Amino acid sequence: MTQSIPARTEEERARVAKIQQMTPDKNAPMAVFLASDAARDVTGQVFGTRMNEIYLFSSPRPVRSLHRADGWTPEAIAEHALPALQSSFMPLDRSGDLFSWDPL
């Protein structure tokens, strides 16, 4: 999956190389914890891991709503819903845009 990350400069290539070190074994402790009795009071939270870092994200909240009395079809979604919602889409930032430090 990381092979598709654009890396045009030497700095970007070095950053991607560090990202490629984030293997599934870095996620496993969080997954095992969340499946354990120790996490019984954890619910509705969004966590992320990045190398040896753990993040708690703000929960998604509705930002826009559309209603169609007769329901939605894939075609109606493409024709009406998508254009109406698109301006409210969350930007797809790259990790380098969000984090000012390399994975720890």
PDB file of N, CA and C in Angstrom:
ATOM      1  N   MET A   1       0.809  -1.183   0.000  1.00  0.00           N
ATOM      2  CA  MET A   1       0.000   0.000   0.000  1.00  0.00           C
ATOM      3  C   MET A   1       0.861   1.259   0.000  1.00  0.00           C
ATOM      4  N   THR A   2       1.982   1.254   0.695  1.00  0.00           N
ATOM      5  CA  THR A   2       2.813   2.453   0.762  1.00  0.00           C
ATOM      6  C   THR A   2       3.539   2.731  -0.552  1.00  0.00           C
ATOM      7  N   GLN A   3       3.540   1.766  -1.462  1.00  0.00           N
ATOM      8  CA  GLN A   3       4.208   1.981  -2.747  1.00  0.00           C
ATOM      9  C   GLN A   3       3.520   3.051  -3.576  1.00  0.00           C
ATOM     10  N   SER A   4       2.261   3.339  -3.288  1.00  0.00           N
ATOM     11  CA  SER A   4       1.528   4.325  -4.082  1.00  0.00           C
ATOM     12  C   SER A   4       1.677   5.747  -3.529  1.00  0.00           C
ATOM     13  N   ILE A   5       2.392   5.925  -2.421  1.00  0.00           N
ATOM     14  CA  ILE A   5       2.584   7.266  -1.863  1.00  0.00           C
ATOM     15  C   ILE A   5       3.539   8.032  -2.767  1.00  0.00           C
ATOM     16  N   PRO A   6       3.122   9.195  -3.251  1.00  0.00           N
ATOM     17  CA  PRO A   6       4.012   9.966  -4.128  1.00  0.00           C
ATOM     18  C   PRO A   6       5.265  10.412  -3.373  1.00  0.00           C
ATOM     19  N   ALA A   7       6.396  10.229  -3.978  1.00  0.00           N
ATOM     20  CA  ALA A   7       7.671  10.648  -3.385  1.00  0.00           C
ATOM     21  C   ALA A   7       8.564  11.154  -4.508  1.00  0.00           C
ATOM     22  N   ARG A   8       8.488  12.439  -4.760  1.00  0.00           N
ATOM     23  CA  ARG A   8       9.228  13.024  -5.878  1.00  0.00           C
ATOM     24  C   ARG A   8      10.600  13.551  -5.473  1.00  0.00           C
ATOM     25  N   THR A   9      10.731  14.040  -4.247  1.00  0.00           N
ATOM     26  CA  THR A   9      12.003  14.596  -3.796  1.00  0.00           C
ATOM     27  C   THR A   9      12.697  13.606  -2.869  1.00  0.00           C
ATOM     28  N   GLU A  10      13.983  13.864  -2.621  1.00  0.00           N
ATOM     29  CA  GLU A  10      14.738  13.007  -1.707  1.00  0.00           C
ATOM     30  C   GLU A  10      14.142  13.074  -0.293  1.00  0.00           C
ATOM     31  N   GLU A  11      13.684  14.248   0.105  1.00  0.00           N
ATOM     32  CA  GLU A  11      13.054  14.394   1.423  1.00  0.00           C
ATOM     33  C   GLU A  11      11.775  13.565   1.520  1.00  0.00           C
ATOM     34  N   GLU A  12      10.956  13.580   0.469  1.00  0.00           N
ATOM     35  CA  GLU A  12       9.726  12.782   0.459  1.00  0.00           C
ATOM     36  C   GLU A  12      10.049  11.297   0.453  1.00  0.00           C
ATOM     37  N   ARG A  13      11.076  10.891  -0.281  1.00  0.00           N
ATOM     38  CA  ARG A  13      11.464   9.475  -0.306  1.00  0.00           C
ATOM     39  C   ARG A  13      11.927   9.013   1.075  1.00  0.00           C
ATOM     40  N   ALA A  14      12.663   9.871   1.783  1.00  0.00           N
ATOM     41  CA  ALA A  14      13.114   9.521   3.139  1.00  0.00           C
ATOM     42  C   ALA A  14      11.912   9.393   4.077  1.00  0.00           C
ATOM     43  N   ARG A  15      10.936  10.284   3.930  1.00  0.00           N
ATOM     44  CA  ARG A  15       9.729  10.225   4.776  1.00  0.00           C
ATOM     45  C   ARG A  15       8.941   8.944   4.492  1.00  0.00           C
ATOM     46  N   VAL A  16       8.810   8.582   3.222  1.00  0.00           N
ATOM     47  CA  VAL A  16       8.092   7.356   2.862  1.00  0.00           C
ATOM     48  C   VAL A  16       8.827   6.134   3.412  1.00  0.00           C
ATOM     49  N   ALA A  17      10.150   6.156   3.382  1.00  0.00           N
ATOM     50  CA  ALA A  17      10.926   5.032   3.922  1.00  0.00           C
ATOM     51  C   ALA A  17      10.620   4.843   5.411  1.00  0.00           C
ATOM     52  N   LYS A  18      10.468   5.945   6.142  1.00  0.00           N
ATOM     53  CA  LYS A  18      10.127   5.835   7.565  1.00  0.00           C
ATOM     54  C   LYS A  18       8.696   5.324   7.737  1.00  0.00           C
ATOM     55  N   ILE A  19       7.803   5.780   6.883  1.00  0.00           N
ATOM     56  CA  ILE A  19       6.414   5.315   6.950  1.00  0.00           C
ATOM     57  C   ILE A  19       6.347   3.811   6.696  1.00  0.00           C
ATOM     58  N   GLN A  20       7.183   3.316   5.800  1.00  0.00           N
ATOM     59  CA  GLN A  20       7.182   1.893   5.476  1.00  0.00           C
ATOM     60  C   GLN A  20       7.652   1.032   6.642  1.00  0.00           C
ATOM     61  N   GLN A  21       8.255   1.634   7.647  1.00  0.00           N
ATOM     62  CA  GLN A  21       8.661   0.900   8.845  1.00  0.00           C
ATOM     63  C   GLN A  21       7.468   0.657   9.781  1.00  0.00           C
ATOM     64  N   MET A  22       6.353   1.312   9.502  1.00  0.00           N
ATOM     65  CA  MET A  22       5.160   1.143  10.333  1.00  0.00           C
ATOM     66  C   MET A  22       4.428  -0.113   9.884  1.00  0.00           C
ATOM     67  N   THR A  23       4.855  -1.234  10.402  1.00  0.00           N
ATOM     68  CA  THR A  23       4.315  -2.526  10.025  1.00  0.00           C
ATOM     69  C   THR A  23       3.138  -2.903  10.930  1.00  0.00           C
ATOM     70  N   PRO A  24       2.364  -3.903  10.554  1.00  0.00           N
ATOM     71  CA  PRO A  24       1.193  -4.293  11.345  1.00  0.00           C
ATOM     72  C   PRO A  24       1.503  -4.611  12.808  1.00  0.00           C
ATOM     73  N   ASP A  25       2.715  -5.028  13.100  1.00  0.00           N
ATOM     74  CA  ASP A  25       3.032  -5.346  14.490  1.00  0.00           C
ATOM     75  C   ASP A  25       2.973  -4.113  15.387  1.00  0.00           C
ATOM     76  N   LYS A  26       2.999  -2.927  14.784  1.00  0.00           N
ATOM     77  CA  LYS A  26       2.845  -1.697  15.565  1.00  0.00           C
ATOM     78  C   LYS A  26       1.374  -1.464  15.921  1.00  0.00           C
ATOM     79  N   ASN A  27       0.447  -2.012  15.138  1.00  0.00           N
ATOM     80  CA  ASN A  27      -0.990  -1.886  15.412  1.00  0.00           C
ATOM     81  C   ASN A  27      -1.498  -2.981  16.337  1.00  0.00           C
ATOM     82  N   ALA A  28      -0.833  -4.115  16.341  1.00  0.00           N
ATOM     83  CA  ALA A  28      -1.320  -5.281  17.072  1.00  0.00           C
ATOM     84  C   ALA A  28      -1.551  -5.023  18.560  1.00  0.00           C
ATOM     85  N   PRO A  29      -0.653  -4.336  19.283  1.00  0.00           N
ATOM     86  CA  PRO A  29      -0.916  -4.132  20.714  1.00  0.00           C
ATOM     87  C   PRO A  29      -2.224  -3.373  20.976  1.00  0.00           C
ATOM     88  N   MET A  30      -2.525  -2.382  20.145  1.00  0.00           N
ATOM     89  CA  MET A  30      -3.769  -1.628  20.333  1.00  0.00           C
ATOM     90  C   MET A  30      -4.970  -2.516  20.034  1.00  0.00           C
ATOM     91  N   ALA A  31      -4.904  -3.303  18.977  1.00  0.00           N
ATOM     92  CA  ALA A  31      -6.009  -4.196  18.629  1.00  0.00           C
ATOM     93  C   ALA A  31      -6.255  -5.210  19.738  1.00  0.00           C
ATOM     94  N   VAL A  32      -5.190  -5.789  20.262  1.00  0.00           N
ATOM     95  CA  VAL A  32      -5.327  -6.775  21.340  1.00  0.00           C
ATOM     96  C   VAL A  32      -5.876  -6.111  22.595  1.00  0.00           C
ATOM     97  N   PHE A  33      -5.374  -4.921  22.929  1.00  0.00           N
ATOM     98  CA  PHE A  33      -5.893  -4.202  24.095  1.00  0.00           C
ATOM     99  C   PHE A  33      -7.389  -3.943  23.945  1.00  0.00           C
ATOM    100  N   LEU A  34      -7.820  -3.425  22.792  1.00  0.00           N
ATOM    101  CA  LEU A  34      -9.229  -3.083  22.595  1.00  0.00           C
ATOM    102  C   LEU A  34     -10.124  -4.317  22.649  1.00  0.00           C
ATOM    103  N   ALA A  35      -9.576  -5.486  22.339  1.00  0.00           N
ATOM    104  CA  ALA A  35     -10.355  -6.724  22.395  1.00  0.00           C
ATOM    105  C   ALA A  35     -10.333  -7.365  23.784  1.00  0.00           C
ATOM    106  N   SER A  36      -9.576  -6.751  24.700  1.00  0.00           N
ATOM    107  CA  SER A  36      -9.421  -7.362  26.024  1.00  0.00           C
ATOM    108  C   SER A  36     -10.410  -6.789  27.043  1.00  0.00           C
ATOM    109  N   ASP A  37     -10.509  -7.460  28.184  1.00  0.00           N
ATOM    110  CA  ASP A  37     -11.342  -6.983  29.288  1.00  0.00           C
ATOM    111  C   ASP A  37     -10.853  -5.639  29.819  1.00  0.00           C
ATOM    112  N   ALA A  38      -9.570  -5.358  29.660  1.00  0.00           N
ATOM    113  CA  ALA A  38      -9.018  -4.091  30.155  1.00  0.00           C
ATOM    114  C   ALA A  38      -9.637  -2.884  29.451  1.00  0.00           C
ATOM    115  N   ALA A  39     -10.205  -3.091  28.273  1.00  0.00           N
ATOM    116  CA  ALA A  39     -10.814  -2.002  27.510  1.00  0.00           C
ATOM    117  C   ALA A  39     -12.335  -1.988  27.633  1.00  0.00           C
ATOM    118  N   ARG A  40     -12.859  -2.673  28.636  1.00  0.00           N
ATOM    119  CA  ARG A  40     -14.326  -2.792  28.752  1.00  0.00           C
ATOM    120  C   ARG A  40     -15.024  -1.446  28.877  1.00  0.00           C
ATOM    121  N   ASP A  41     -14.342  -0.421  29.383  1.00  0.00           N
ATOM    122  CA  ASP A  41     -14.955   0.898  29.526  1.00  0.00           C
ATOM    123  C   ASP A  41     -14.660   1.821  28.338  1.00  0.00           C
ATOM    124  N   VAL A  42     -13.986   1.306  27.342  1.00  0.00           N
ATOM    125  CA  VAL A  42     -13.660   2.098  26.152  1.00  0.00           C
ATOM    126  C   VAL A  42     -14.710   1.807  25.092  1.00  0.00           C
ATOM    127  N   THR A  43     -15.453   2.821  24.705  1.00  0.00           N
ATOM    128  CA  THR A  43     -16.469   2.640  23.675  1.00  0.00           C
ATOM    129  C   THR A  43     -16.623   3.933  22.878  1.00  0.00           C
ATOM    130  N   GLY A  44     -16.878   3.799  21.591  1.00  0.00           N
ATOM    131  CA  GLY A  44     -17.137   4.946  20.743  1.00  0.00           C
ATOM    132  C   GLY A  44     -15.941   5.840  20.491  1.00  0.00           C
ATOM    133  N   GLN A  45     -14.743   5.346  20.712  1.00  0.00           N
ATOM    134  CA  GLN A  45     -13.536   6.153  20.531  1.00  0.00           C
ATOM    135  C   GLN A  45     -12.838   5.782  19.231  1.00  0.00           C
ATOM    136  N   VAL A  46     -12.107   6.730  18.679  1.00  0.00           N
ATOM    137  CA  VAL A  46     -11.350   6.494  17.453  1.00  0.00           C
ATOM    138  C   VAL A  46      -9.873   6.666  17.782  1.00  0.00           C
ATOM    139  N   PHE A  47      -9.125   5.562  17.676  1.00  0.00           N
ATOM    140  CA  PHE A  47      -7.699   5.570  17.980  1.00  0.00           C
ATOM    141  C   PHE A  47      -6.903   5.389  16.690  1.00  0.00           C
ATOM    142  N   GLY A  48      -5.694   5.856  16.727  1.00  0.00           N
ATOM    143  CA  GLY A  48      -4.761   5.604  15.646  1.00  0.00           C
ATOM    144  C   GLY A  48      -3.404   5.318  16.240  1.00  0.00           C
ATOM    145  N   THR A  49      -2.600   4.576  15.501  1.00  0.00           N
ATOM    146  CA  THR A  49      -1.223   4.333  15.922  1.00  0.00           C
ATOM    147  C   THR A  49      -0.303   4.723  14.781  1.00  0.00           C
ATOM    148  N   ARG A  50       0.870   5.175  15.150  1.00  0.00           N
ATOM    149  CA  ARG A  50       1.889   5.554  14.178  1.00  0.00           C
ATOM    150  C   ARG A  50       3.221   5.241  14.823  1.00  0.00           C
ATOM    151  N   MET A  51       3.851   4.181  14.373  1.00  0.00           N
ATOM    152  CA  MET A  51       5.069   3.647  14.999  1.00  0.00           C
ATOM    153  C   MET A  51       4.785   3.415  16.488  1.00  0.00           C
ATOM    154  N   ASN A  52       5.431   4.162  17.369  1.00  0.00           N
ATOM    155  CA  ASN A  52       5.271   3.963  18.810  1.00  0.00           C
ATOM    156  C   ASN A  52       4.376   5.029  19.445  1.00  0.00           C
ATOM    157  N   GLU A  53       3.576   5.689  18.618  1.00  0.00           N
ATOM    158  CA  GLU A  53       2.676   6.727  19.099  1.00  0.00           C
ATOM    159  C   GLU A  53       1.240   6.216  19.045  1.00  0.00           C
ATOM    160  N   ILE A  54       0.433   6.678  19.978  1.00  0.00           N
ATOM    161  CA  ILE A  54      -1.002   6.376  20.000  1.00  0.00           C
ATOM    162  C   ILE A  54      -1.742   7.705  19.969  1.00  0.00           C
ATOM    163  N   TYR A  55      -2.769   7.778  19.125  1.00  0.00           N
ATOM    164  CA  TYR A  55      -3.562   8.994  18.994  1.00  0.00           C
ATOM    165  C   TYR A  55      -5.011   8.711  19.333  1.00  0.00           C
ATOM    166  N   LEU A  56      -5.646   9.671  19.953  1.00  0.00           N
ATOM    167  CA  LEU A  56      -7.081   9.658  20.160  1.00  0.00           C
ATOM    168  C   LEU A  56      -7.638  10.752  19.256  1.00  0.00           C
ATOM    169  N   PHE A  57      -8.507  10.381  18.320  1.00  0.00           N
ATOM    170  CA  PHE A  57      -9.070  11.322  17.368  1.00  0.00           C
ATOM    171  C   PHE A  57     -10.429  11.800  17.846  1.00  0.00           C
ATOM    172  N   SER A  58     -10.791  12.986  17.399  1.00  0.00           N
ATOM    173  CA  SER A  58     -12.141  13.453  17.693  1.00  0.00           C
ATOM    174  C   SER A  58     -13.112  12.602  16.895  1.00  0.00           C
ATOM    175  N   SER A  59     -14.246  12.360  17.477  1.00  0.00           N
ATOM    176  CA  SER A  59     -15.237  11.503  16.818  1.00  0.00           C
ATOM    177  C   SER A  59     -15.890  12.242  15.654  1.00  0.00           C
ATOM    178  N   PRO A  60     -16.184  11.522  14.583  1.00  0.00           N
ATOM    179  CA  PRO A  60     -16.880  12.149  13.465  1.00  0.00           C
ATOM    180  C   PRO A  60     -18.272  12.619  13.885  1.00  0.00           C
ATOM    181  N   ARG A  61     -18.644  13.751  13.373  1.00  0.00           N
ATOM    182  CA  ARG A  61     -19.966  14.311  13.619  1.00  0.00           C
ATOM    183  C   ARG A  61     -20.580  14.695  12.278  1.00  0.00           C
ATOM    184  N   PRO A  62     -21.879  14.592  12.158  1.00  0.00           N
ATOM    185  CA  PRO A  62     -22.516  15.011  10.902  1.00  0.00           C
ATOM    186  C   PRO A  62     -22.250  16.495  10.636  1.00  0.00           C
ATOM    187  N   VAL A  63     -21.937  16.819   9.392  1.00  0.00           N
ATOM    188  CA  VAL A  63     -21.690  18.207   9.023  1.00  0.00           C
ATOM    189  C   VAL A  63     -22.709  18.726   8.013  1.00  0.00           C
ATOM    190  N   ARG A  64     -23.419  17.814   7.383  1.00  0.00           N
ATOM    191  CA  ARG A  64     -24.406  18.208   6.374  1.00  0.00           C
ATOM    192  C   ARG A  64     -25.394  17.066   6.212  1.00  0.00           C
ATOM    193  N   SER A  65     -26.632  17.389   5.888  1.00  0.00           N
ATOM    194  CA  SER A  65     -27.665  16.364   5.744  1.00  0.00           C
ATOM    195  C   SER A  65     -28.496  16.640   4.500  1.00  0.00           C
ATOM    196  N   LEU A  66     -28.904  15.587   3.842  1.00  0.00           N
ATOM    197  CA  LEU A  66     -29.801  15.680   2.691  1.00  0.00           C
ATOM    198  C   LEU A  66     -30.934  14.693   2.895  1.00  0.00           C
ATOM    199  N   HIS A  67     -32.114  15.065   2.425  1.00  0.00           N
ATOM    200  CA  HIS A  67     -33.276  14.188   2.533  1.00  0.00           C
ATOM    201  C   HIS A  67     -33.916  14.080   1.162  1.00  0.00           C
ATOM    202  N   ARG A  68     -34.423  12.899   0.866  1.00  0.00           N
ATOM    203  CA  ARG A  68     -35.140  12.669  -0.383  1.00  0.00           C
ATOM    204  C   ARG A  68     -36.360  11.834  -0.018  1.00  0.00           C
ATOM    205  N   ALA A  69     -37.536  12.394  -0.167  1.00  0.00           N
ATOM    206  CA  ALA A  69     -38.774  11.757   0.291  1.00  0.00           C
ATOM    207  C   ALA A  69     -38.965  10.360  -0.273  1.00  0.00           C
ATOM    208  N   ASP A  70     -38.581  10.141  -1.519  1.00  0.00           N
ATOM    209  CA  ASP A  70     -38.780   8.820  -2.124  1.00  0.00           C
ATOM    210  C   ASP A  70     -37.531   7.946  -2.052  1.00  0.00           C
ATOM    211  N   GLY A  71     -36.577   8.316  -1.214  1.00  0.00           N
ATOM    212  CA  GLY A  71     -35.370   7.501  -1.044  1.00  0.00           C
ATOM    213  C   GLY A  71     -34.305   7.834  -2.071  1.00  0.00           C
ATOM    214  N   TRP A  72     -33.225   7.099  -1.984  1.00  0.00           N
ATOM    215  CA  TRP A  72     -32.070   7.356  -2.847  1.00  0.00           C
ATOM    216  C   TRP A  72     -31.780   6.164  -3.741  1.00  0.00           C
ATOM    217  N   THR A  73     -31.373   6.461  -4.938  1.00  0.00           N
ATOM    218  CA  THR A  73     -30.831   5.465  -5.862  1.00  0.00           C
ATOM    219  C   THR A  73     -29.368   5.838  -6.084  1.00  0.00           C
ATOM    220  N   PRO A  74     -28.560   4.919  -6.543  1.00  0.00           N
ATOM    221  CA  PRO A  74     -27.169   5.294  -6.836  1.00  0.00           C
ATOM    222  C   PRO A  74     -27.096   6.467  -7.822  1.00  0.00           C
ATOM    223  N   GLU A  75     -28.003   6.481  -8.777  1.00  0.00           N
ATOM    224  CA  GLU A  75     -28.003   7.558  -9.772  1.00  0.00           C
ATOM    225  C   GLU A  75     -28.362   8.904  -9.128  1.00  0.00           C
ATOM    226  N   ALA A  76     -29.355   8.908  -8.234  1.00  0.00           N
ATOM    227  CA  ALA A  76     -29.752  10.144  -7.559  1.00  0.00           C
ATOM    228  C   ALA A  76     -28.637  10.646  -6.639  1.00  0.00           C
ATOM    229  N   ILE A  77     -27.941   9.712  -6.020  1.00  0.00           N
ATOM    230  CA  ILE A  77     -26.807  10.109  -5.179  1.00  0.00           C
ATOM    231  C   ILE A  77     -25.758  10.794  -6.038  1.00  0.00           C
ATOM    232  N   ALA A  78     -25.437  10.189  -7.182  1.00  0.00           N
ATOM    233  CA  ALA A  78     -24.425  10.766  -8.075  1.00  0.00           C
ATOM    234  C   ALA A  78     -24.861  12.120  -8.612  1.00  0.00           C
ATOM    235  N   GLU A  79     -26.131  12.243  -8.944  1.00  0.00           N
ATOM    236  CA  GLU A  79     -26.626  13.468  -9.586  1.00  0.00           C
ATOM    237  C   GLU A  79     -26.926  14.589  -8.598  1.00  0.00           C
ATOM    238  N   HIS A  80     -27.445  14.254  -7.418  1.00  0.00           N
ATOM    239  CA  HIS A  80     -27.890  15.292  -6.487  1.00  0.00           C
ATOM    240  C   HIS A  80     -27.077  15.349  -5.184  1.00  0.00           C
ATOM    241  N   ALA A  81     -26.900  14.202  -4.543  1.00  0.00           N
ATOM    242  CA  ALA A  81     -26.250  14.202  -3.232  1.00  0.00           C
ATOM    243  C   ALA A  81     -24.773  14.565  -3.333  1.00  0.00           C
ATOM    244  N   LEU A  82     -24.064  13.930  -4.245  1.00  0.00           N
ATOM    245  CA  LEU A  82     -22.634  14.190  -4.351  1.00  0.00           C
ATOM    246  C   LEU A  82     -22.337  15.668  -4.591  1.00  0.00           C
ATOM    247  N   PRO A  83     -22.971  16.310  -5.572  1.00  0.00           N
ATOM    248  CA  PRO A  83     -22.685  17.745  -5.764  1.00  0.00           C
ATOM    249  C   PRO A  83     -23.050  18.597  -4.539  1.00  0.00           C
ATOM    250  N   ALA A  84     -24.109  18.226  -3.828  1.00  0.00           N
ATOM    251  CA  ALA A  84     -24.522  18.997  -2.664  1.00  0.00           C
ATOM    252  C   ALA A  84     -23.577  18.804  -1.477  1.00  0.00           C
ATOM    253  N   LEU A  85     -22.994  17.629  -1.342  1.00  0.00           N
ATOM    254  CA  LEU A  85     -22.153  17.317  -0.189  1.00  0.00           C
ATOM    255  C   LEU A  85     -20.667  17.603  -0.424  1.00  0.00           C
ATOM    256  N   GLN A  86     -20.251  17.613  -1.664  1.00  0.00           N
ATOM    257  CA  GLN A  86     -18.825  17.656  -1.987  1.00  0.00           C
ATOM    258  C   GLN A  86     -18.095  18.842  -1.346  1.00  0.00           C
ATOM    259  N   SER A  87     -18.729  19.994  -1.271  1.00  0.00           N
ATOM    260  CA  SER A  87     -18.045  21.151  -0.686  1.00  0.00           C
ATOM    261  C   SER A  87     -17.788  20.963   0.810  1.00  0.00           C
ATOM    262  N   SER A  88     -18.430  20.001   1.441  1.00  0.00           N
ATOM    263  CA  SER A  88     -18.232  19.740   2.868  1.00  0.00           C
ATOM    264  C   SER A  88     -17.315  18.550   3.128  1.00  0.00           C
ATOM    265  N   PHE A  89     -16.766  17.947   2.069  1.00  0.00           N
ATOM    266  CA  PHE A  89     -15.865  16.813   2.241  1.00  0.00           C
ATOM    267  C   PHE A  89     -14.658  17.224   3.089  1.00  0.00           C
ATOM    268  N   MET A  90     -14.172  16.296   3.895  1.00  0.00           N
ATOM    269  CA  MET A  90     -12.966  16.491   4.670  1.00  0.00           C
ATOM    270  C   MET A  90     -11.773  16.406   3.717  1.00  0.00           C
ATOM    271  N   PRO A  91     -10.814  17.304   3.848  1.00  0.00           N
ATOM    272  CA  PRO A  91      -9.647  17.226   2.960  1.00  0.00           C
ATOM    273  C   PRO A  91      -8.844  15.947   3.216  1.00  0.00           C
ATOM    274  N   LEU A  92      -8.260  15.408   2.177  1.00  0.00           N
ATOM    275  CA  LEU A  92      -7.435  14.208   2.300  1.00  0.00           C
ATOM    276  C   LEU A  92      -5.973  14.620   2.406  1.00  0.00           C
ATOM    277  N   ASP A  93      -5.587  15.033   3.602  1.00  0.00           N
ATOM    278  CA  ASP A  93      -4.221  15.460   3.846  1.00  0.00           C
ATOM    279  C   ASP A  93      -3.295  14.253   3.907  1.00  0.00           C
ATOM    280  N   ARG A  94      -2.059  14.466   3.528  1.00  0.00           N
ATOM    281  CA  ARG A  94      -1.030  13.440   3.696  1.00  0.00           C
ATOM    282  C   ARG A  94      -0.441  13.592   5.089  1.00  0.00           C
ATOM    283  N   SER A  95       0.101  12.521   5.633  1.00  0.00           N
ATOM    284  CA  SER A  95       0.621  12.578   7.000  1.00  0.00           C
ATOM    285  C   SER A  95       1.671  13.672   7.144  1.00  0.00           C
ATOM    286  N   GLY A  96       2.441  13.921   6.106  1.00  0.00           N
ATOM    287  CA  GLY A  96       3.444  14.986   6.161  1.00  0.00           C
ATOM    288  C   GLY A  96       2.830  16.360   6.318  1.00  0.00           C
ATOM    289  N   ASP A  97       1.580  16.527   5.913  1.00  0.00           N
ATOM    290  CA  ASP A  97       0.882  17.791   6.081  1.00  0.00           C
ATOM    291  C   ASP A  97       0.342  17.954   7.496  1.00  0.00           C
ATOM    292  N   LEU A  98       0.138  16.840   8.191  1.00  0.00           N
ATOM    293  CA  LEU A  98      -0.481  16.875   9.514  1.00  0.00           C
ATOM    294  C   LEU A  98       0.530  16.803  10.654  1.00  0.00           C
ATOM    295  N   PHE A  99       1.599  16.050  10.454  1.00  0.00           N
ATOM    296  CA  PHE A  99       2.595  15.852  11.498  1.00  0.00           C
ATOM    297  C   PHE A  99       3.865  16.602  11.137  1.00  0.00           C
ATOM    298  N   SER A 100       4.367  17.384  12.070  1.00  0.00           N
ATOM    299  CA  SER A 100       5.608  18.128  11.815  1.00  0.00           C
ATOM    300  C   SER A 100       6.837  17.320  12.229  1.00  0.00           C
ATOM    301  N   TRP A 101       6.638  16.068  12.664  1.00  0.00           N
ATOM    302  CA  TRP A 101       7.735  15.204  13.065  1.00  0.00           C
ATOM    303  C   TRP A 101       7.560  13.832  12.412  1.00  0.00           C
ATOM    304  N   ASP A 102       8.692  13.153  12.276  1.00  0.00           N
ATOM    305  CA  ASP A 102       8.669  11.800  11.723  1.00  0.00           C
ATOM    306  C   ASP A 102       8.112  10.845  12.769  1.00  0.00           C
ATOM    307  N   PRO A 103       7.611   9.681  12.328  1.00  0.00           N
ATOM    308  CA  PRO A 103       7.113   8.690  13.285  1.00  0.00           C
ATOM    309  C   PRO A 103       8.173   8.368  14.334  1.00  0.00           C
ATOM    310  N   LEU A 104       7.723   8.271  15.560  1.00  0.00           N
ATOM    311  CA  LEU A 104       8.644   7.968  16.664  1.00  0.00           C
ATOM    312  C   LEU A 104       8.659   6.502  16.991  1.00  0.00           C
TER     313      LEU A 104
END
